[in-house]
């Protein structure tokens, strides 16, 4: 019971941070009447991803861990593009880089879980597992798109395609969370769906102005 409470506490903290970064980004965009990517957005993203990765590990949820492992280093790269990475203490930079690998080493060396148990969770059906993986990959692909776009521009940006993928992926993750009765995923993505929709409007409106 204590472990479950601890895992939910970490999960909700992660989602609060994710929601805070999204709210901060949205308010900044509303103020400028266009979609912007504030520097603090990426720092909050990295911290939230760190916590949600731990939450996925404690919940034995492969889909959550997979999603975070794919975006974790993209957050770091965006912080580098914003020229903020070197402002972190050296020991913290090294810890953040090796953290995912430390989790994997801990996971195998303690031999408390095996790969089959992690992936083929008895608590969910094959269809639900597939939905979780597909939704997380799609939701995560938004940052792969964003990263490639930003590398091309040599600046951290949040293009229209990022928000469209975010909305579709978030709807699927929300459905997965509802079917799994996971309050962390449900609350986090219910908030995100609203913000993603608004950013799609702001991005589309800005593109219309550019082409006029």
Protein backbone atom coordinates (compact mmCIF):
# COMPACT_ATOMS: atom_id res chain seq x y z
CA UNK A 1 0.00 0.00 0.00
CA UNK A 2 2.86 2.36 0.88
CA UNK A 3 4.63 1.55 -2.39
CA UNK A 4 1.45 2.28 -4.37
CA UNK A 5 1.00 5.62 -2.56
CA UNK A 6 4.66 6.48 -3.23
CA UNK A 7 4.37 5.63 -6.93
CA UNK A 8 1.19 7.70 -7.35
CA UNK A 9 2.81 10.62 -5.52
CA UNK A 10 5.70 10.54 -8.01
CA UNK A 11 3.31 10.13 -10.96
CA UNK A 12 1.08 13.03 -9.95
CA UNK A 13 4.11 15.24 -9.28
CA UNK A 14 5.37 14.44 -12.78
CA UNK A 15 2.00 15.24 -14.36
CA UNK A 16 1.71 18.47 -12.37
CA UNK A 17 5.10 19.50 -13.75
CA UNK A 18 4.09 18.49 -17.29
CA UNK A 19 0.85 20.46 -16.92
CA UNK A 20 2.74 23.43 -15.46
CA UNK A 21 5.15 23.53 -18.38
CA UNK A 22 2.22 23.30 -20.82
CA UNK A 23 0.32 26.04 -18.97
CA UNK A 24 3.42 28.22 -18.91
CA UNK A 25 3.99 27.68 -22.63
CA UNK A 26 0.33 28.39 -23.41
CA UNK A 27 0.23 31.63 -21.37
CA UNK A 28 3.47 32.78 -23.01
CA UNK A 29 1.98 32.02 -26.43
CA UNK A 30 -1.28 33.81 -25.63
CA UNK A 31 0.69 36.85 -24.52
CA UNK A 32 2.63 36.98 -27.79
CA UNK A 33 -0.34 35.81 -29.93
CA UNK A 34 1.79 33.07 -31.44
CA UNK A 35 3.22 29.72 -30.37
CA UNK A 36 6.53 30.09 -28.53
CA UNK A 37 8.88 27.64 -26.80
CA UNK A 38 10.05 29.26 -23.53
CA UNK A 39 13.37 28.04 -22.12
CA UNK A 40 11.77 27.02 -18.83
CA UNK A 41 9.47 24.69 -20.82
CA UNK A 42 12.34 22.30 -21.55
CA UNK A 43 13.74 22.32 -18.01
CA UNK A 44 10.34 21.43 -16.57
CA UNK A 45 9.94 18.78 -19.28
CA UNK A 46 13.21 17.10 -18.32
CA UNK A 47 12.36 17.04 -14.61
CA UNK A 48 8.86 15.72 -15.27
CA UNK A 49 10.19 13.07 -17.67
CA UNK A 50 12.69 11.95 -15.03
CA UNK A 51 9.88 11.45 -12.49
CA UNK A 52 7.45 9.83 -14.92
CA UNK A 53 10.14 7.35 -15.99
CA UNK A 54 10.47 6.35 -12.31
CA UNK A 55 6.66 6.15 -12.05
CA UNK A 56 6.49 3.81 -15.05
CA UNK A 57 9.17 1.63 -13.46
CA UNK A 58 7.31 1.46 -10.13
CA UNK A 59 4.01 0.74 -11.91
CA UNK A 60 5.61 -1.93 -14.08
CA UNK A 61 4.24 -0.07 -17.10
CA UNK A 62 6.44 -0.65 -20.14
CA UNK A 63 4.45 1.81 -22.30
CA UNK A 64 5.15 4.73 -19.95
CA UNK A 65 8.84 3.87 -19.65
CA UNK A 66 9.16 3.51 -23.43
CA UNK A 67 7.53 6.91 -24.02
CA UNK A 68 9.80 8.70 -21.59
CA UNK A 69 12.98 6.99 -22.73
CA UNK A 70 12.33 8.23 -26.28
CA UNK A 71 11.85 11.89 -25.28
CA UNK A 72 14.22 12.24 -22.33
CA UNK A 73 17.31 13.01 -24.42
CA UNK A 74 15.36 15.24 -26.80
CA UNK A 75 14.55 17.48 -23.83
CA UNK A 76 18.26 17.62 -23.04
CA UNK A 77 19.06 18.49 -26.67
CA UNK A 78 16.53 21.35 -26.65
CA UNK A 79 18.11 22.70 -23.47
CA UNK A 80 21.46 22.57 -25.31
CA UNK A 81 19.97 24.41 -28.30
CA UNK A 82 18.76 27.10 -25.90
CA UNK A 83 22.34 27.42 -24.57
CA UNK A 84 21.16 26.48 -21.06
CA UNK A 85 22.70 23.02 -20.58
CA UNK A 86 26.13 24.25 -19.44
CA UNK A 87 24.46 26.29 -16.71
CA UNK A 88 23.59 23.05 -14.93
CA UNK A 89 26.22 21.82 -12.42
CA UNK A 90 28.59 19.30 -14.01
CA UNK A 91 27.62 16.46 -11.64
CA UNK A 92 23.92 17.06 -12.39
CA UNK A 93 24.51 16.95 -16.15
CA UNK A 94 26.32 13.64 -15.86
CA UNK A 95 23.66 12.20 -13.57
CA UNK A 96 20.82 13.22 -15.91
CA UNK A 97 22.61 11.64 -18.88
CA UNK A 98 23.36 8.30 -17.21
CA UNK A 99 20.13 8.07 -15.17
CA UNK A 100 18.15 5.91 -17.68
CA UNK A 101 21.09 3.53 -17.95
CA UNK A 102 21.35 3.30 -14.16
CA UNK A 103 17.69 2.27 -13.98
CA UNK A 104 18.31 -0.50 -16.52
CA UNK A 105 21.36 -1.74 -14.60
CA UNK A 106 19.45 -1.71 -11.32
CA UNK A 107 16.58 -3.48 -13.00
CA UNK A 108 18.66 -6.39 -14.22
CA UNK A 109 21.22 -6.68 -11.42
CA UNK A 110 18.55 -7.05 -8.74
CA UNK A 111 16.75 -9.63 -10.85
CA UNK A 112 13.40 -8.67 -9.29
CA UNK A 113 11.77 -8.33 -12.69
CA UNK A 114 12.43 -9.98 -16.00
CA UNK A 115 11.77 -8.63 -19.48
CA UNK A 116 8.76 -10.88 -20.03
CA UNK A 117 7.13 -9.69 -16.82
CA UNK A 118 7.77 -6.07 -17.67
CA UNK A 119 6.42 -6.24 -21.21
CA UNK A 120 3.74 -8.90 -20.86
CA UNK A 121 2.01 -7.48 -17.82
CA UNK A 122 -0.64 -9.90 -16.53
CA UNK A 123 -2.77 -6.96 -15.45
CA UNK A 124 -3.66 -6.03 -19.02
CA UNK A 125 -4.82 -7.73 -22.19
CA UNK A 126 -2.77 -7.89 -25.37
CA UNK A 127 -5.06 -5.30 -27.00
CA UNK A 128 -4.66 -2.89 -24.10
CA UNK A 129 -0.91 -3.40 -24.14
CA UNK A 130 -0.86 -2.67 -27.89
CA UNK A 131 -2.91 0.50 -27.37
CA UNK A 132 -0.48 1.64 -24.68
CA UNK A 133 2.56 1.11 -26.88
CA UNK A 134 1.01 2.68 -29.99
CA UNK A 135 -0.32 5.70 -28.07
CA UNK A 136 3.02 6.32 -26.35
CA UNK A 137 5.01 5.97 -29.58
CA UNK A 138 2.68 8.36 -31.40
CA UNK A 139 2.65 10.83 -28.51
CA UNK A 140 6.43 10.61 -28.26
CA UNK A 141 6.96 11.04 -32.01
CA UNK A 142 5.85 14.66 -31.64
CA UNK A 143 9.17 15.43 -29.99
CA UNK A 144 11.13 13.53 -32.63
CA UNK A 145 9.37 15.74 -35.20
CA UNK A 146 10.04 18.83 -33.06
CA UNK A 147 13.70 17.89 -32.59
CA UNK A 148 14.33 17.40 -36.33
CA UNK A 149 12.50 20.65 -37.09
CA UNK A 150 14.56 22.53 -34.47
CA UNK A 151 17.85 21.04 -35.66
CA UNK A 152 17.02 22.28 -39.15
CA UNK A 153 16.25 25.77 -37.83
CA UNK A 154 19.14 25.66 -35.32
CA UNK A 155 16.72 26.95 -32.71
CA UNK A 156 14.20 25.30 -30.40
CA UNK A 157 10.74 25.61 -31.99
CA UNK A 158 7.25 24.12 -31.53
CA UNK A 159 5.73 23.90 -35.06
CA UNK A 160 2.10 23.21 -35.97
CA UNK A 161 2.79 19.54 -36.70
CA UNK A 162 4.02 19.12 -33.13
CA UNK A 163 0.64 20.20 -31.73
CA UNK A 164 -1.39 18.07 -34.15
CA UNK A 165 0.59 14.95 -33.20
CA UNK A 166 0.32 15.97 -29.53
CA UNK A 167 -3.47 16.14 -29.70
CA UNK A 168 -3.93 12.80 -31.46
CA UNK A 169 -1.41 11.05 -29.24
CA UNK A 170 -2.85 12.56 -26.08
CA UNK A 171 -6.36 11.38 -26.97
CA UNK A 172 -5.02 7.83 -27.37
CA UNK A 173 -3.02 7.95 -24.12
CA UNK A 174 -6.10 9.31 -22.35
CA UNK A 175 -8.11 6.33 -23.63
CA UNK A 176 -5.34 3.97 -22.50
CA UNK A 177 -5.27 5.60 -19.06
CA UNK A 178 -9.05 5.35 -18.75
CA UNK A 179 -9.06 1.65 -19.67
CA UNK A 180 -6.21 1.03 -17.20
CA UNK A 181 -7.91 3.16 -14.54
CA UNK A 182 -4.71 5.17 -14.17
CA UNK A 183 -5.59 8.55 -12.59
CA UNK A 184 -2.14 9.98 -13.36
CA UNK A 185 -2.56 9.53 -17.13
CA UNK A 186 -6.24 10.55 -17.11
CA UNK A 187 -5.77 13.86 -15.30
CA UNK A 188 -2.54 14.75 -17.08
CA UNK A 189 -3.88 14.24 -20.59
CA UNK A 190 -7.33 15.71 -19.96
CA UNK A 191 -5.60 19.04 -19.30
CA UNK A 192 -3.19 18.62 -22.19
CA UNK A 193 -5.92 17.97 -24.77
CA UNK A 194 -7.35 21.46 -24.15
CA UNK A 195 -3.97 23.20 -24.44
CA UNK A 196 -2.93 21.27 -27.55
CA UNK A 197 -6.18 22.24 -29.25
CA UNK A 198 -5.62 25.90 -28.40
CA UNK A 199 -2.04 25.82 -29.72
CA UNK A 200 -3.27 24.30 -32.98
CA UNK A 201 -5.57 27.28 -33.34
CA UNK A 202 -2.77 29.77 -32.54
CA UNK A 203 -0.35 28.07 -34.96
CA UNK A 204 -2.94 27.87 -37.75
CA UNK A 205 -3.95 31.49 -37.22
CA UNK A 206 -0.31 32.62 -37.34
CA UNK A 207 0.30 30.65 -40.56
CA UNK A 208 -2.73 32.28 -42.18
CA UNK A 209 -1.32 35.72 -41.36
CA UNK A 210 2.07 34.79 -42.81
CA UNK A 211 0.56 33.66 -46.12
CA UNK A 212 -1.70 36.68 -46.53
